[in-house]
Amino acid sequence: MYSEHEITQREAVLRKLRRMLERQRERFQDYLHVLDTQQSAIAQDNLDALEQQVELETSVLEQIVQTQKTIAPLEQMYQQLNGGTAFPADIAAMQTNLTEMRSRISAHNADNRARLSRQIEQMRHKVAQLRIPNRHTSPYAAAGGGSMVDIQG
């Protein structure tokens, strides 16, 4: 039915797709870890740790996007080589797992954003409650009115 070359080509695409899906799962796990760490940094008001986590988050997200750019063409290539047949069970399970992880990431990210928004609002409230002395009044204003000074001498 299929030539040796076609079978070898399909197997190669399938192996590459499997490796990329596994790599994407690792990236998602890394991202979930970053979100967990961000959550604790937000709770502790640790701005330095939060800044580091945001930088790490940016890096992990770039890796996720790059990996996804590799996965999409591989999936299309597999579909073309196999006449649109369904993916093998292990690949389909990995895709389902990644979809579930995306949902968890989205929920966790929304939770962190909400926590951060509350923290920012609390900080604004604290700043608004501070009484900052009016810098426009002169320190000599309490001394009374002006007086005449004899400059002739």
N, C-alpha and C. Protein backbone atom coordinates (compact mmCIF):
# COMPACT_ATOMS: atom_id res chain seq x y z
N MET A 1 0.82 -1.19 0.00
CA MET A 1 0.00 0.00 0.00
C MET A 1 0.87 1.25 0.00
N TYR A 2 1.74 1.40 1.01
CA TYR A 2 2.65 2.54 1.07
C TYR A 2 4.06 2.06 0.78
N SER A 3 4.82 2.93 0.15
CA SER A 3 6.22 2.56 -0.14
C SER A 3 7.05 2.71 1.13
N GLU A 4 8.22 2.14 1.11
CA GLU A 4 9.14 2.21 2.26
C GLU A 4 9.49 3.66 2.57
N HIS A 5 9.68 4.45 1.54
CA HIS A 5 10.02 5.88 1.70
C HIS A 5 8.88 6.63 2.39
N GLU A 6 7.64 6.37 2.00
CA GLU A 6 6.49 7.04 2.61
C GLU A 6 6.35 6.66 4.08
N ILE A 7 6.55 5.39 4.37
CA ILE A 7 6.46 4.94 5.76
C ILE A 7 7.55 5.58 6.60
N THR A 8 8.77 5.63 6.08
CA THR A 8 9.88 6.26 6.79
C THR A 8 9.61 7.74 7.02
N GLN A 9 9.06 8.39 6.01
CA GLN A 9 8.74 9.82 6.12
C GLN A 9 7.67 10.05 7.19
N ARG A 10 6.66 9.24 7.21
CA ARG A 10 5.59 9.37 8.21
C ARG A 10 6.13 9.16 9.62
N GLU A 11 6.96 8.14 9.75
CA GLU A 11 7.54 7.87 11.07
C GLU A 11 8.41 9.02 11.55
N ALA A 12 9.17 9.60 10.64
CA ALA A 12 10.04 10.73 11.00
C ALA A 12 9.22 11.93 11.45
N VAL A 13 8.16 12.22 10.71
CA VAL A 13 7.28 13.35 11.08
C VAL A 13 6.62 13.07 12.42
N LEU A 14 6.19 11.85 12.62
CA LEU A 14 5.53 11.49 13.87
C LEU A 14 6.49 11.59 15.06
N ARG A 15 7.72 11.11 14.89
CA ARG A 15 8.72 11.23 15.97
C ARG A 15 9.00 12.69 16.29
N LYS A 16 9.18 13.50 15.25
CA LYS A 16 9.46 14.93 15.46
C LYS A 16 8.28 15.61 16.14
N LEU A 17 7.07 15.29 15.71
CA LEU A 17 5.88 15.87 16.33
C LEU A 17 5.79 15.47 17.79
N ARG A 18 6.06 14.23 18.08
CA ARG A 18 6.01 13.74 19.48
C ARG A 18 7.04 14.50 20.33
N ARG A 19 8.26 14.65 19.81
CA ARG A 19 9.30 15.38 20.56
C ARG A 19 8.89 16.83 20.80
N MET A 20 8.30 17.45 19.79
CA MET A 20 7.91 18.85 19.95
C MET A 20 6.75 19.00 20.94
N LEU A 21 5.82 18.07 20.92
CA LEU A 21 4.73 18.11 21.89
C LEU A 21 5.25 17.90 23.31
N GLU A 22 6.21 17.01 23.46
CA GLU A 22 6.82 16.81 24.78
C GLU A 22 7.55 18.07 25.23
N ARG A 23 8.25 18.69 24.31
CA ARG A 23 8.96 19.93 24.63
C ARG A 23 7.97 21.02 25.03
N GLN A 24 6.86 21.09 24.32
CA GLN A 24 5.84 22.09 24.64
C GLN A 24 5.26 21.82 26.02
N ARG A 25 5.05 20.55 26.35
CA ARG A 25 4.54 20.21 27.69
C ARG A 25 5.52 20.66 28.77
N GLU A 26 6.82 20.47 28.52
CA GLU A 26 7.84 20.94 29.46
C GLU A 26 7.79 22.45 29.61
N ARG A 27 7.62 23.15 28.50
CA ARG A 27 7.53 24.62 28.55
C ARG A 27 6.32 25.06 29.37
N PHE A 28 5.20 24.37 29.17
CA PHE A 28 3.99 24.70 29.93
C PHE A 28 4.21 24.45 31.42
N GLN A 29 4.89 23.34 31.75
CA GLN A 29 5.17 23.07 33.15
C GLN A 29 6.08 24.15 33.74
N ASP A 30 7.07 24.58 32.96
CA ASP A 30 7.94 25.68 33.41
C ASP A 30 7.12 26.94 33.65
N TYR A 31 6.20 27.21 32.75
CA TYR A 31 5.38 28.41 32.87
C TYR A 31 4.48 28.33 34.09
N LEU A 32 3.90 27.16 34.35
CA LEU A 32 3.08 27.00 35.56
C LEU A 32 3.91 27.23 36.81
N HIS A 33 5.15 26.76 36.80
CA HIS A 33 6.05 26.99 37.94
C HIS A 33 6.31 28.49 38.10
N VAL A 34 6.55 29.18 37.00
CA VAL A 34 6.78 30.63 37.05
C VAL A 34 5.55 31.33 37.63
N LEU A 35 4.37 30.91 37.20
CA LEU A 35 3.15 31.53 37.71
C LEU A 35 2.97 31.27 39.20
N ASP A 36 3.32 30.08 39.66
CA ASP A 36 3.25 29.78 41.10
C ASP A 36 4.19 30.69 41.88
N THR A 37 5.40 30.85 41.36
CA THR A 37 6.39 31.69 42.03
C THR A 37 5.94 33.15 42.02
N GLN A 38 5.34 33.57 40.91
CA GLN A 38 4.81 34.94 40.84
C GLN A 38 3.73 35.15 41.88
N GLN A 39 2.89 34.15 42.03
CA GLN A 39 1.80 34.26 43.00
C GLN A 39 2.34 34.48 44.40
N SER A 40 3.37 33.74 44.78
CA SER A 40 3.93 33.93 46.12
C SER A 40 4.65 35.27 46.22
N ALA A 41 5.28 35.73 45.15
CA ALA A 41 5.94 37.04 45.18
C ALA A 41 4.92 38.15 45.33
N ILE A 42 3.77 38.00 44.69
CA ILE A 42 2.70 39.00 44.83
C ILE A 42 2.18 39.00 46.26
N ALA A 43 1.96 37.84 46.82
CA ALA A 43 1.43 37.73 48.18
C ALA A 43 2.39 38.31 49.21
N GLN A 44 3.70 38.22 48.95
CA GLN A 44 4.70 38.71 49.89
C GLN A 44 5.12 40.15 49.61
N ASP A 45 4.51 40.79 48.62
CA ASP A 45 4.89 42.15 48.22
C ASP A 45 6.37 42.24 47.88
N ASN A 46 6.92 41.21 47.29
CA ASN A 46 8.33 41.17 46.94
C ASN A 46 8.49 41.63 45.49
N LEU A 47 8.72 42.92 45.31
CA LEU A 47 8.78 43.48 43.97
C LEU A 47 9.99 43.01 43.18
N ASP A 48 11.12 42.80 43.85
CA ASP A 48 12.31 42.32 43.14
C ASP A 48 12.08 40.92 42.58
N ALA A 49 11.52 40.04 43.40
CA ALA A 49 11.24 38.68 42.94
C ALA A 49 10.18 38.70 41.84
N LEU A 50 9.20 39.57 41.97
CA LEU A 50 8.16 39.67 40.95
C LEU A 50 8.75 40.14 39.63
N GLU A 51 9.65 41.08 39.68
CA GLU A 51 10.30 41.57 38.46
C GLU A 51 11.10 40.45 37.79
N GLN A 52 11.83 39.68 38.58
CA GLN A 52 12.59 38.55 38.02
C GLN A 52 11.65 37.52 37.40
N GLN A 53 10.53 37.26 38.05
CA GLN A 53 9.59 36.28 37.54
C GLN A 53 8.94 36.76 36.24
N VAL A 54 8.69 38.06 36.14
CA VAL A 54 8.11 38.60 34.91
C VAL A 54 9.10 38.46 33.76
N GLU A 55 10.38 38.71 34.03
CA GLU A 55 11.40 38.53 33.00
C GLU A 55 11.49 37.06 32.58
N LEU A 56 11.45 36.18 33.56
CA LEU A 56 11.48 34.74 33.27
C LEU A 56 10.23 34.32 32.50
N GLU A 57 9.10 34.88 32.87
CA GLU A 57 7.85 34.59 32.19
C GLU A 57 7.94 34.98 30.71
N THR A 58 8.50 36.12 30.44
CA THR A 58 8.66 36.57 29.06
C THR A 58 9.50 35.59 28.26
N SER A 59 10.58 35.11 28.85
CA SER A 59 11.45 34.16 28.19
C SER A 59 10.72 32.84 27.92
N VAL A 60 10.00 32.34 28.90
CA VAL A 60 9.29 31.07 28.74
C VAL A 60 8.19 31.21 27.69
N LEU A 61 7.50 32.34 27.69
CA LEU A 61 6.45 32.55 26.70
C LEU A 61 7.01 32.59 25.28
N GLU A 62 8.18 33.19 25.12
CA GLU A 62 8.82 33.20 23.80
C GLU A 62 9.15 31.78 23.36
N GLN A 63 9.61 30.96 24.28
CA GLN A 63 9.92 29.57 23.95
C GLN A 63 8.65 28.80 23.58
N ILE A 64 7.56 29.06 24.27
CA ILE A 64 6.29 28.41 23.97
C ILE A 64 5.82 28.78 22.56
N VAL A 65 5.91 30.06 22.24
CA VAL A 65 5.50 30.52 20.91
C VAL A 65 6.36 29.89 19.82
N GLN A 66 7.66 29.84 20.04
CA GLN A 66 8.56 29.25 19.05
C GLN A 66 8.28 27.76 18.86
N THR A 67 8.03 27.07 19.94
CA THR A 67 7.72 25.65 19.84
C THR A 67 6.40 25.43 19.11
N GLN A 68 5.42 26.28 19.40
CA GLN A 68 4.12 26.15 18.72
C GLN A 68 4.27 26.41 17.22
N LYS A 69 5.17 27.32 16.85
CA LYS A 69 5.41 27.59 15.43
C LYS A 69 5.99 26.37 14.73
N THR A 70 6.64 25.50 15.47
CA THR A 70 7.17 24.26 14.90
C THR A 70 6.11 23.16 14.88
N ILE A 71 5.26 23.13 15.89
CA ILE A 71 4.26 22.07 16.00
C ILE A 71 3.19 22.18 14.91
N ALA A 72 2.69 23.37 14.67
CA ALA A 72 1.59 23.53 13.71
C ALA A 72 1.93 22.99 12.32
N PRO A 73 3.09 23.32 11.74
CA PRO A 73 3.41 22.74 10.43
C PRO A 73 3.61 21.22 10.47
N LEU A 74 4.14 20.71 11.56
CA LEU A 74 4.31 19.25 11.68
C LEU A 74 2.95 18.55 11.70
N GLU A 75 1.99 19.13 12.39
CA GLU A 75 0.65 18.54 12.42
C GLU A 75 0.05 18.54 11.02
N GLN A 76 0.22 19.66 10.31
CA GLN A 76 -0.30 19.74 8.94
C GLN A 76 0.41 18.73 8.04
N MET A 77 1.71 18.61 8.20
CA MET A 77 2.48 17.68 7.38
C MET A 77 2.01 16.25 7.65
N TYR A 78 1.78 15.92 8.91
CA TYR A 78 1.31 14.58 9.25
C TYR A 78 -0.05 14.32 8.61
N GLN A 79 -0.93 15.31 8.70
CA GLN A 79 -2.26 15.16 8.10
C GLN A 79 -2.17 14.95 6.59
N GLN A 80 -1.29 15.68 5.95
CA GLN A 80 -1.13 15.54 4.49
C GLN A 80 -0.57 14.18 4.13
N LEU A 81 0.42 13.72 4.88
CA LEU A 81 1.03 12.43 4.59
C LEU A 81 0.08 11.26 4.84
N ASN A 82 -0.84 11.44 5.76
CA ASN A 82 -1.74 10.35 6.14
C ASN A 82 -3.15 10.55 5.62
N GLY A 83 -3.32 11.43 4.69
CA GLY A 83 -4.64 11.60 4.08
C GLY A 83 -5.70 12.07 5.04
N GLY A 84 -5.32 12.85 6.04
CA GLY A 84 -6.29 13.41 6.98
C GLY A 84 -6.76 12.46 8.06
N THR A 85 -6.08 11.33 8.22
CA THR A 85 -6.49 10.39 9.27
C THR A 85 -6.15 10.97 10.65
N ALA A 86 -6.78 10.42 11.65
CA ALA A 86 -6.58 10.91 13.02
C ALA A 86 -5.16 10.60 13.49
N PHE A 87 -4.75 11.37 14.47
CA PHE A 87 -3.43 11.15 15.07
C PHE A 87 -3.46 9.87 15.89
N PRO A 88 -2.28 9.24 16.08
CA PRO A 88 -2.22 8.07 16.98
C PRO A 88 -2.67 8.47 18.39
N ALA A 89 -3.06 7.48 19.16
CA ALA A 89 -3.63 7.73 20.49
C ALA A 89 -2.69 8.52 21.39
N ASP A 90 -1.39 8.21 21.36
CA ASP A 90 -0.47 8.92 22.26
C ASP A 90 -0.33 10.39 21.86
N ILE A 91 -0.33 10.69 20.58
CA ILE A 91 -0.25 12.08 20.12
C ILE A 91 -1.54 12.81 20.47
N ALA A 92 -2.67 12.18 20.25
CA ALA A 92 -3.96 12.79 20.59
C ALA A 92 -4.04 13.07 22.09
N ALA A 93 -3.53 12.14 22.90
CA ALA A 93 -3.54 12.35 24.36
C ALA A 93 -2.63 13.51 24.75
N MET A 94 -1.49 13.62 24.09
CA MET A 94 -0.59 14.73 24.39
C MET A 94 -1.23 16.07 24.00
N GLN A 95 -1.92 16.09 22.87
CA GLN A 95 -2.59 17.31 22.44
C GLN A 95 -3.69 17.70 23.43
N THR A 96 -4.43 16.71 23.91
CA THR A 96 -5.47 16.97 24.91
C THR A 96 -4.84 17.49 26.20
N ASN A 97 -3.74 16.88 26.61
CA ASN A 97 -3.03 17.30 27.81
C ASN A 97 -2.56 18.75 27.67
N LEU A 98 -2.04 19.11 26.51
CA LEU A 98 -1.58 20.48 26.29
C LEU A 98 -2.74 21.47 26.32
N THR A 99 -3.88 21.06 25.79
CA THR A 99 -5.06 21.92 25.83
C THR A 99 -5.50 22.16 27.27
N GLU A 100 -5.48 21.10 28.08
CA GLU A 100 -5.84 21.25 29.50
C GLU A 100 -4.84 22.15 30.22
N MET A 101 -3.56 21.98 29.89
CA MET A 101 -2.53 22.82 30.53
C MET A 101 -2.72 24.29 30.13
N ARG A 102 -3.08 24.53 28.87
CA ARG A 102 -3.35 25.90 28.43
C ARG A 102 -4.47 26.51 29.27
N SER A 103 -5.51 25.73 29.51
CA SER A 103 -6.64 26.22 30.32
C SER A 103 -6.19 26.53 31.74
N ARG A 104 -5.39 25.64 32.34
CA ARG A 104 -4.89 25.89 33.70
C ARG A 104 -4.00 27.12 33.72
N ILE A 105 -3.17 27.27 32.70
CA ILE A 105 -2.28 28.43 32.63
C ILE A 105 -3.10 29.70 32.53
N SER A 106 -4.12 29.68 31.68
CA SER A 106 -4.96 30.86 31.51
C SER A 106 -5.65 31.23 32.82
N ALA A 107 -6.19 30.25 33.53
CA ALA A 107 -6.86 30.52 34.81
C ALA A 107 -5.86 31.03 35.84
N HIS A 108 -4.69 30.42 35.90
CA HIS A 108 -3.66 30.83 36.86
C HIS A 108 -3.18 32.24 36.55
N ASN A 109 -2.99 32.53 35.29
CA ASN A 109 -2.55 33.85 34.87
C ASN A 109 -3.61 34.90 35.23
N ALA A 110 -4.88 34.60 35.01
CA ALA A 110 -5.96 35.52 35.37
C ALA A 110 -5.99 35.75 36.88
N ASP A 111 -5.78 34.69 37.64
CA ASP A 111 -5.74 34.81 39.10
C ASP A 111 -4.60 35.72 39.54
N ASN A 112 -3.42 35.53 38.95
CA ASN A 112 -2.28 36.38 39.29
C ASN A 112 -2.54 37.84 38.92
N ARG A 113 -3.15 38.07 37.77
CA ARG A 113 -3.46 39.45 37.37
C ARG A 113 -4.43 40.08 38.36
N ALA A 114 -5.44 39.32 38.79
CA ALA A 114 -6.40 39.84 39.76
C ALA A 114 -5.72 40.15 41.09
N ARG A 115 -4.84 39.26 41.54
CA ARG A 115 -4.10 39.50 42.79
C ARG A 115 -3.24 40.75 42.67
N LEU A 116 -2.57 40.87 41.54
CA LEU A 116 -1.70 42.03 41.33
C LEU A 116 -2.51 43.31 41.27
N SER A 117 -3.66 43.27 40.65
CA SER A 117 -4.54 44.45 40.59
C SER A 117 -4.98 44.85 41.99
N ARG A 118 -5.32 43.86 42.82
CA ARG A 118 -5.71 44.17 44.21
C ARG A 118 -4.54 44.80 44.97
N GLN A 119 -3.34 44.24 44.78
CA GLN A 119 -2.16 44.78 45.45
C GLN A 119 -1.91 46.23 45.02
N ILE A 120 -2.04 46.49 43.74
CA ILE A 120 -1.83 47.85 43.22
C ILE A 120 -2.87 48.79 43.81
N GLU A 121 -4.12 48.34 43.87
CA GLU A 121 -5.17 49.17 44.44
C GLU A 121 -4.92 49.45 45.92
N GLN A 122 -4.44 48.45 46.66
CA GLN A 122 -4.11 48.65 48.07
C GLN A 122 -2.98 49.66 48.22
N MET A 123 -1.98 49.56 47.34
CA MET A 123 -0.86 50.51 47.39
C MET A 123 -1.34 51.93 47.08
N ARG A 124 -2.22 52.08 46.11
CA ARG A 124 -2.77 53.40 45.79
C ARG A 124 -3.53 53.97 46.99
N HIS A 125 -4.28 53.09 47.66
CA HIS A 125 -5.04 53.52 48.82
C HIS A 125 -4.09 53.98 49.93
N LYS A 126 -3.01 53.24 50.15
CA LYS A 126 -2.03 53.61 51.17
C LYS A 126 -1.36 54.94 50.83
N VAL A 127 -1.02 55.12 49.57
CA VAL A 127 -0.39 56.37 49.14
C VAL A 127 -1.35 57.53 49.31
N ALA A 128 -2.61 57.33 49.00
CA ALA A 128 -3.60 58.40 49.14
C ALA A 128 -3.80 58.77 50.60
N GLN A 129 -3.59 57.83 51.52
CA GLN A 129 -3.77 58.11 52.94
C GLN A 129 -2.58 58.83 53.55
N LEU A 130 -1.46 58.80 52.88
CA LEU A 130 -0.29 59.49 53.42
C LEU A 130 -0.53 60.98 53.43
N ARG A 131 -0.07 61.62 54.48
CA ARG A 131 -0.18 63.09 54.55
C ARG A 131 1.19 63.66 54.23
N ILE A 132 1.27 64.19 53.06
CA ILE A 132 2.53 64.78 52.62
C ILE A 132 2.45 66.27 52.92
N PRO A 133 3.46 66.80 53.62
CA PRO A 133 3.41 68.24 53.95
C PRO A 133 3.41 69.07 52.67
N ASN A 134 2.69 70.18 52.76
CA ASN A 134 2.60 71.07 51.61
C ASN A 134 3.94 71.78 51.44
N ARG A 135 4.58 71.58 50.36
CA ARG A 135 5.92 72.14 50.13
C ARG A 135 5.86 73.57 49.62
N HIS A 136 4.67 74.06 49.32
CA HIS A 136 4.55 75.40 48.76
C HIS A 136 4.52 76.49 49.83
N THR A 137 4.33 76.11 51.08
CA THR A 137 4.33 77.13 52.13
C THR A 137 5.76 77.34 52.61
N SER A 138 6.07 78.54 52.96
CA SER A 138 7.40 78.89 53.41
C SER A 138 7.58 78.48 54.87
N PRO A 139 8.75 78.03 55.23
CA PRO A 139 8.98 77.69 56.64
C PRO A 139 8.92 78.93 57.54
N TYR A 140 8.99 80.12 56.94
CA TYR A 140 8.95 81.36 57.72
C TYR A 140 7.55 81.94 57.80
N ALA A 141 6.58 81.26 57.24
CA ALA A 141 5.20 81.76 57.23
C ALA A 141 4.64 81.87 58.64
N ALA A 142 5.04 81.01 59.55
CA ALA A 142 4.51 81.03 60.91
C ALA A 142 5.14 82.16 61.74
N ALA A 143 6.16 82.79 61.25
CA ALA A 143 6.85 83.85 61.98
C ALA A 143 6.03 85.11 62.06
N GLY A 144 4.99 85.23 61.32
CA GLY A 144 4.15 86.41 61.36
C GLY A 144 4.32 87.20 60.08
N GLY A 145 3.79 88.41 60.13
CA GLY A 145 3.83 89.26 58.93
C GLY A 145 5.21 89.84 58.71
N GLY A 146 5.36 90.58 57.67
CA GLY A 146 6.64 91.20 57.34
C GLY A 146 6.95 92.35 58.27
N SER A 147 8.16 92.74 58.37
CA SER A 147 8.54 93.90 59.20
C SER A 147 9.49 94.76 58.38
N MET A 148 9.64 95.96 58.85
CA MET A 148 10.50 96.90 58.13
C MET A 148 11.95 96.70 58.56
N VAL A 149 12.80 96.79 57.60
CA VAL A 149 14.21 96.64 57.88
C VAL A 149 14.90 97.95 57.48
N ASP A 150 15.68 98.50 58.36
CA ASP A 150 16.39 99.76 58.07
C ASP A 150 17.67 99.41 57.35
N ILE A 151 17.71 99.76 56.08
CA ILE A 151 18.90 99.40 55.29
C ILE A 151 19.89 100.54 55.20
N GLN A 152 19.56 101.71 55.71
CA GLN A 152 20.49 102.83 55.63
C GLN A 152 21.40 102.90 56.84
N GLY A 153 21.05 102.33 57.80
CA GLY A 153 21.80 102.19 58.85
C GLY A 153 22.34 102.51 60.02
